[in-house]
């Protein structure tokens, strides 16, 4: 058996087409969804990511408010900008790109964002609502994984899911989403991490494996049962002299070996990655739609 590839680029393109229609409908009601992005400093990875977000906004018709600040920006000035964006009716979503310079308290800045505009889904108010199953903005990467599974017609109800990784960005939120009593949940979830004993035994039971450990080859073929669905969240650089840039990107899964046992698998790159920005757009459009009912 060779696994069917879950094409994140294709699913993201389908969702963006759907969002473009929603944005066009909102514009007929004089609402233009607005996303404010704040970047402090000149981290190359963050700059590249922010540029991709701005391009995605333009693609579907969202107003993009770009705020690029020097690395020496004070915490006070950054908090003042966040407060200004909170009060701006043209802005429906605020994203402060992490990491921030060391002299700025990230938790303090994230707390300052209005939960109603927290389209990253990281504010404790939204995290708390997610945990108890209330309506909330869901973190983008985990929500993107849910969309990949649903749109690939993977049955979640009653499924045995093993998540490898317990980060606040992926592991913990995806676990919470999948155990909810909802069509997007009802799974039985095990979370493995660096202190888990006999990890392979847990992973072998899984109908769905979500690898988010941040280490290449964490999931090998001998750990995967035949027909399992494998979602690889990892993005790791490994040296490769055959590549012009001297490295290649790989996930947390031994892709070539595991794809011969899995039924469905995401590649790296081109799997989970394209969904993250798409879900950010999704949350921004949802936030704009909520203003119709306020």
Protein backbone atom coordinates (compact mmCIF):
# COMPACT_ATOMS: atom_id res chain seq x y z
CA UNK A 1 0.00 0.00 0.00
CA UNK A 2 1.26 3.49 -0.84
CA UNK A 3 -0.44 6.33 0.99
CA UNK A 4 -2.57 8.94 -0.69
CA UNK A 5 -1.01 12.38 -0.27
CA UNK A 6 -3.05 15.01 1.57
CA UNK A 7 -2.28 18.09 -0.52
CA UNK A 8 -2.35 21.08 1.83
CA UNK A 9 -1.82 23.52 -1.04
CA UNK A 10 -4.95 22.27 -2.78
CA UNK A 11 -7.11 22.32 0.36
CA UNK A 12 -5.84 25.81 1.22
CA UNK A 13 -6.66 27.00 -2.31
CA UNK A 14 -10.21 25.60 -2.02
CA UNK A 15 -10.74 27.33 1.33
CA UNK A 16 -9.34 30.64 0.04
CA UNK A 17 -11.77 30.51 -2.88
CA UNK A 18 -14.62 30.04 -0.38
CA UNK A 19 -13.31 32.93 1.74
CA UNK A 20 -13.01 35.19 -1.31
CA UNK A 21 -16.75 34.71 -1.91
CA UNK A 22 -17.53 35.56 1.73
CA UNK A 23 -15.37 38.69 1.54
CA UNK A 24 -17.19 39.80 -1.64
CA UNK A 25 -20.53 39.31 0.13
CA UNK A 26 -19.37 41.33 3.15
CA UNK A 27 -18.28 44.15 0.85
CA UNK A 28 -21.82 44.41 -0.49
CA UNK A 29 -22.78 45.21 3.12
CA UNK A 30 -20.04 47.84 3.39
CA UNK A 31 -17.75 45.66 5.52
CA UNK A 32 -14.16 45.06 4.41
CA UNK A 33 -12.43 42.49 6.65
CA UNK A 34 -9.23 44.05 8.01
CA UNK A 35 -6.14 42.29 9.38
CA UNK A 36 -3.43 44.22 11.19
CA UNK A 37 -0.02 42.56 11.34
CA UNK A 38 2.65 43.86 13.71
CA UNK A 39 6.28 42.87 13.17
CA UNK A 40 8.96 44.11 15.57
CA UNK A 41 12.55 43.73 14.35
CA UNK A 42 14.03 42.14 11.25
CA UNK A 43 13.96 38.38 11.86
CA UNK A 44 14.20 36.94 8.29
CA UNK A 45 11.77 34.04 8.94
CA UNK A 46 9.22 36.42 10.49
CA UNK A 47 9.60 38.91 7.63
CA UNK A 48 9.03 36.17 5.07
CA UNK A 49 5.97 34.90 6.96
CA UNK A 50 4.46 38.38 7.31
CA UNK A 51 4.99 39.08 3.59
CA UNK A 52 3.18 35.82 2.76
CA UNK A 53 0.27 36.84 5.00
CA UNK A 54 -0.01 40.21 3.28
CA UNK A 55 -0.02 38.55 -0.14
CA UNK A 56 -2.74 36.13 1.02
CA UNK A 57 -4.89 39.03 2.26
CA UNK A 58 -4.61 40.74 -1.12
CA UNK A 59 -5.51 37.49 -2.87
CA UNK A 60 -8.93 37.21 -1.23
CA UNK A 61 -9.70 40.93 -0.81
CA UNK A 62 -8.89 41.49 2.88
CA UNK A 63 -7.58 44.91 3.93
CA UNK A 64 -4.03 44.43 5.23
CA UNK A 65 -2.69 46.90 7.80
CA UNK A 66 1.09 46.50 7.89
CA UNK A 67 3.02 47.68 10.96
CA UNK A 68 6.78 47.04 10.78
CA UNK A 69 8.62 48.44 13.78
CA UNK A 70 12.34 48.65 14.59
CA UNK A 71 13.81 46.09 17.02
CA UNK A 72 14.42 48.81 19.63
CA UNK A 73 10.69 49.65 19.86
CA UNK A 74 9.72 49.88 23.54
CA UNK A 75 7.14 47.65 25.18
CA UNK A 76 5.13 50.76 26.01
CA UNK A 77 5.02 51.88 22.37
CA UNK A 78 4.04 48.41 21.19
CA UNK A 79 1.22 48.21 23.75
CA UNK A 80 0.03 51.66 22.63
CA UNK A 81 -0.12 50.43 19.01
CA UNK A 82 -2.09 47.33 20.06
CA UNK A 83 -4.54 49.55 21.98
CA UNK A 84 -4.96 51.77 18.91
CA UNK A 85 -5.68 48.73 16.70
CA UNK A 86 -8.13 47.35 19.28
CA UNK A 87 -10.15 50.58 18.92
CA UNK A 88 -9.94 50.81 15.12
CA UNK A 89 -13.28 49.68 13.58
CA UNK A 90 -11.55 48.92 10.24
CA UNK A 91 -9.48 46.22 11.95
CA UNK A 92 -11.17 42.85 12.64
CA UNK A 93 -8.04 40.84 13.40
CA UNK A 94 -4.72 41.64 15.08
CA UNK A 95 -1.64 39.49 14.78
CA UNK A 96 1.58 40.31 16.62
CA UNK A 97 4.32 38.24 15.01
CA UNK A 98 6.38 36.17 17.47
CA UNK A 99 9.08 36.00 18.65
CA UNK A 100 9.37 39.54 19.99
CA UNK A 101 12.68 41.14 21.06
CA UNK A 102 13.82 40.00 24.51
CA UNK A 103 13.07 43.35 26.20
CA UNK A 104 9.35 42.96 25.43
CA UNK A 105 7.10 40.67 27.50
CA UNK A 106 5.26 38.50 24.95
CA UNK A 107 2.57 37.40 27.42
CA UNK A 108 1.79 41.02 28.30
CA UNK A 109 1.43 41.95 24.62
CA UNK A 110 -0.78 38.94 23.78
CA UNK A 111 -3.01 39.73 26.77
CA UNK A 112 -3.41 43.29 25.51
CA UNK A 113 -5.05 42.15 22.26
CA UNK A 114 -8.85 42.35 22.32
CA UNK A 115 -10.03 38.68 22.41
CA UNK A 116 -12.64 39.64 19.77
CA UNK A 117 -9.74 40.48 17.40
CA UNK A 118 -7.39 37.67 18.49
CA UNK A 119 -7.36 35.84 15.16
CA UNK A 120 -4.26 33.86 16.19
CA UNK A 121 -6.34 32.21 18.94
CA UNK A 122 -3.63 32.63 21.59
CA UNK A 123 -5.39 34.94 24.07
CA UNK A 124 -6.20 33.06 27.32
CA UNK A 125 -9.87 34.02 26.91
CA UNK A 126 -10.04 32.21 23.56
CA UNK A 127 -7.93 29.30 24.82
CA UNK A 128 -10.31 28.90 27.79
CA UNK A 129 -13.38 28.98 25.55
CA UNK A 130 -11.79 26.38 23.28
CA UNK A 131 -11.12 24.05 26.21
CA UNK A 132 -14.71 24.18 27.49
CA UNK A 133 -16.15 23.89 23.97
CA UNK A 134 -17.50 27.42 23.54
CA UNK A 135 -17.32 29.42 20.32
CA UNK A 136 -13.85 30.92 20.01
CA UNK A 137 -11.12 31.77 17.54
CA UNK A 138 -9.15 28.54 17.21
CA UNK A 139 -5.34 28.51 16.84
CA UNK A 140 -4.50 28.44 13.15
CA UNK A 141 -2.22 25.43 12.74
CA UNK A 142 -4.36 23.01 14.82
CA UNK A 143 -7.55 24.23 13.14
CA UNK A 144 -5.84 23.76 9.79
CA UNK A 145 -5.09 20.14 10.72
CA UNK A 146 -8.78 19.59 11.57
CA UNK A 147 -9.77 21.00 8.18
CA UNK A 148 -7.29 18.73 6.38
CA UNK A 149 -8.74 15.69 8.15
CA UNK A 150 -12.38 16.62 7.58
CA UNK A 151 -11.89 17.57 3.93
CA UNK A 152 -9.97 14.32 3.36
CA UNK A 153 -13.04 12.50 4.76
CA UNK A 154 -11.12 11.02 7.70
CA UNK A 155 -13.52 9.73 10.36
CA UNK A 156 -12.75 11.41 13.69
CA UNK A 157 -15.57 10.01 15.84
CA UNK A 158 -14.22 7.13 17.90
CA UNK A 159 -10.80 7.32 16.26
CA UNK A 160 -7.70 6.57 18.31
CA UNK A 161 -5.49 9.65 17.89
CA UNK A 162 -1.91 9.92 19.13
CA UNK A 163 -0.30 13.37 19.20
CA UNK A 164 3.47 13.52 19.58
CA UNK A 165 4.29 16.93 21.05
CA UNK A 166 2.69 19.08 23.76
CA UNK A 167 3.40 22.67 22.68
CA UNK A 168 0.91 25.46 23.34
CA UNK A 169 0.88 26.19 19.60
CA UNK A 170 0.01 22.71 18.27
CA UNK A 171 0.00 19.75 20.66
CA UNK A 172 -2.24 20.99 23.48
CA UNK A 173 -4.82 22.80 21.31
CA UNK A 174 -5.23 19.99 18.77
CA UNK A 175 -5.74 17.54 21.65
CA UNK A 176 -8.46 19.78 23.08
CA UNK A 177 -10.19 20.17 19.73
CA UNK A 178 -10.24 16.46 18.99
CA UNK A 179 -11.80 15.44 22.34
CA UNK A 180 -14.68 17.92 22.05
CA UNK A 181 -18.19 16.53 21.79
CA UNK A 182 -18.60 17.87 18.26
CA UNK A 183 -18.49 16.72 14.61
CA UNK A 184 -14.87 17.93 14.54
CA UNK A 185 -13.97 15.82 17.57
CA UNK A 186 -15.28 12.80 19.50
CA UNK A 187 -11.88 11.12 19.18
CA UNK A 188 -9.93 9.30 21.88
CA UNK A 189 -6.69 11.23 22.31
CA UNK A 190 -3.29 10.32 23.72
CA UNK A 191 -0.57 12.98 23.99
CA UNK A 192 3.04 11.76 23.95
CA UNK A 193 6.10 13.88 24.74
CA UNK A 194 9.77 13.71 25.73
CA UNK A 195 8.98 12.01 29.05
CA UNK A 196 6.63 9.37 27.59
CA UNK A 197 7.73 5.80 28.22
CA UNK A 198 7.47 3.33 25.33
CA UNK A 199 6.26 5.94 22.86
CA UNK A 200 6.24 3.44 20.01
CA UNK A 201 3.61 1.32 21.80
CA UNK A 202 1.26 4.31 22.03
CA UNK A 203 1.82 5.39 18.43
CA UNK A 204 1.25 1.85 17.07
CA UNK A 205 -2.34 1.94 18.39
CA UNK A 206 -3.21 5.10 16.51
CA UNK A 207 -5.70 5.39 13.69
CA UNK A 208 -4.46 8.98 13.30
CA UNK A 209 -0.93 10.13 14.14
CA UNK A 210 -0.15 13.84 14.51
CA UNK A 211 3.60 14.43 14.70
CA UNK A 212 4.54 17.82 16.18
CA UNK A 213 7.78 17.09 18.03
CA UNK A 214 10.18 19.29 16.06
CA UNK A 215 12.68 16.50 15.42
CA UNK A 216 13.34 14.60 12.17
CA UNK A 217 12.47 10.88 12.03
CA UNK A 218 10.56 10.93 15.31
CA UNK A 219 7.95 8.69 13.65
CA UNK A 220 9.41 5.68 11.85
CA UNK A 221 7.64 2.98 9.82
CA UNK A 222 7.84 0.35 12.60
CA UNK A 223 5.75 2.68 14.82
CA UNK A 224 2.87 2.98 12.31
CA UNK A 225 0.10 0.42 11.88
CA UNK A 226 -1.11 -0.39 8.39
CA UNK A 227 -3.70 2.10 7.13
CA UNK A 228 -3.04 4.83 9.70
CA UNK A 229 -3.52 8.51 8.78
CA UNK A 230 -0.32 10.49 9.37
CA UNK A 231 -0.24 14.28 9.79
CA UNK A 232 3.29 15.70 9.88
CA UNK A 233 3.48 19.17 11.45
CA UNK A 234 7.28 19.30 11.76
CA UNK A 235 9.49 21.59 9.68
CA UNK A 236 13.17 20.77 10.17
CA UNK A 237 16.28 21.76 8.23
CA UNK A 238 18.72 18.96 7.46
CA UNK A 239 22.01 19.44 5.67
CA UNK A 240 21.95 18.48 1.99
CA UNK A 241 24.96 19.29 -0.19
CA UNK A 242 22.94 18.56 -3.35
CA UNK A 243 20.72 21.58 -2.66
CA UNK A 244 21.78 25.08 -3.67
CA UNK A 245 20.96 26.45 -0.21
CA UNK A 246 22.81 23.58 1.49
CA UNK A 247 19.80 22.08 3.25
CA UNK A 248 16.35 20.62 2.66
CA UNK A 249 13.17 20.71 4.70
CA UNK A 250 11.84 17.53 6.29
CA UNK A 251 9.08 16.80 8.78
CA UNK A 252 9.04 14.72 11.96
CA UNK A 253 8.04 11.59 10.00
CA UNK A 254 10.28 9.26 7.98
CA UNK A 255 8.13 10.06 4.95
CA UNK A 256 9.50 7.61 2.38
CA UNK A 257 9.16 4.59 4.67
CA UNK A 258 5.93 5.59 6.43
CA UNK A 259 4.04 6.35 3.20
CA UNK A 260 4.27 2.63 2.35
CA UNK A 261 2.20 1.80 5.46
CA UNK A 262 -0.13 4.78 5.92
CA UNK A 263 -3.43 5.27 4.08
CA UNK A 264 -3.11 9.07 4.03
CA UNK A 265 -0.08 11.27 4.76
CA UNK A 266 0.88 14.94 4.58
CA UNK A 267 4.16 15.90 2.90
CA UNK A 268 6.68 18.47 4.14
CA UNK A 269 6.61 21.02 2.68
CA UNK A 270 3.14 21.35 1.16
CA UNK A 271 1.04 19.64 3.82
CA UNK A 272 0.07 21.42 7.05
CA UNK A 273 2.08 24.58 6.29
CA UNK A 274 -0.22 26.18 3.68
CA UNK A 275 -3.18 25.79 6.04
CA UNK A 276 -1.83 28.04 8.80
CA UNK A 277 -2.16 31.35 6.93
CA UNK A 278 -5.46 30.18 5.41
CA UNK A 279 -6.95 29.68 8.87
CA UNK A 280 -5.72 33.14 9.88
CA UNK A 281 -7.71 34.53 6.95
CA UNK A 282 -10.66 32.34 7.99
CA UNK A 283 -10.64 33.78 11.52
CA UNK A 284 -10.37 37.36 10.20
CA UNK A 285 -13.39 36.87 7.94
CA UNK A 286 -15.32 35.28 10.82
CA UNK A 287 -14.51 38.28 12.99
CA UNK A 288 -15.80 40.64 10.29
CA UNK A 289 -18.98 38.56 9.91
CA UNK A 290 -19.63 38.88 13.66
CA UNK A 291 -19.86 42.67 13.31
CA UNK A 292 -23.05 42.17 11.29
CA UNK A 293 -24.73 40.77 14.38
CA UNK A 294 -23.31 43.21 16.93
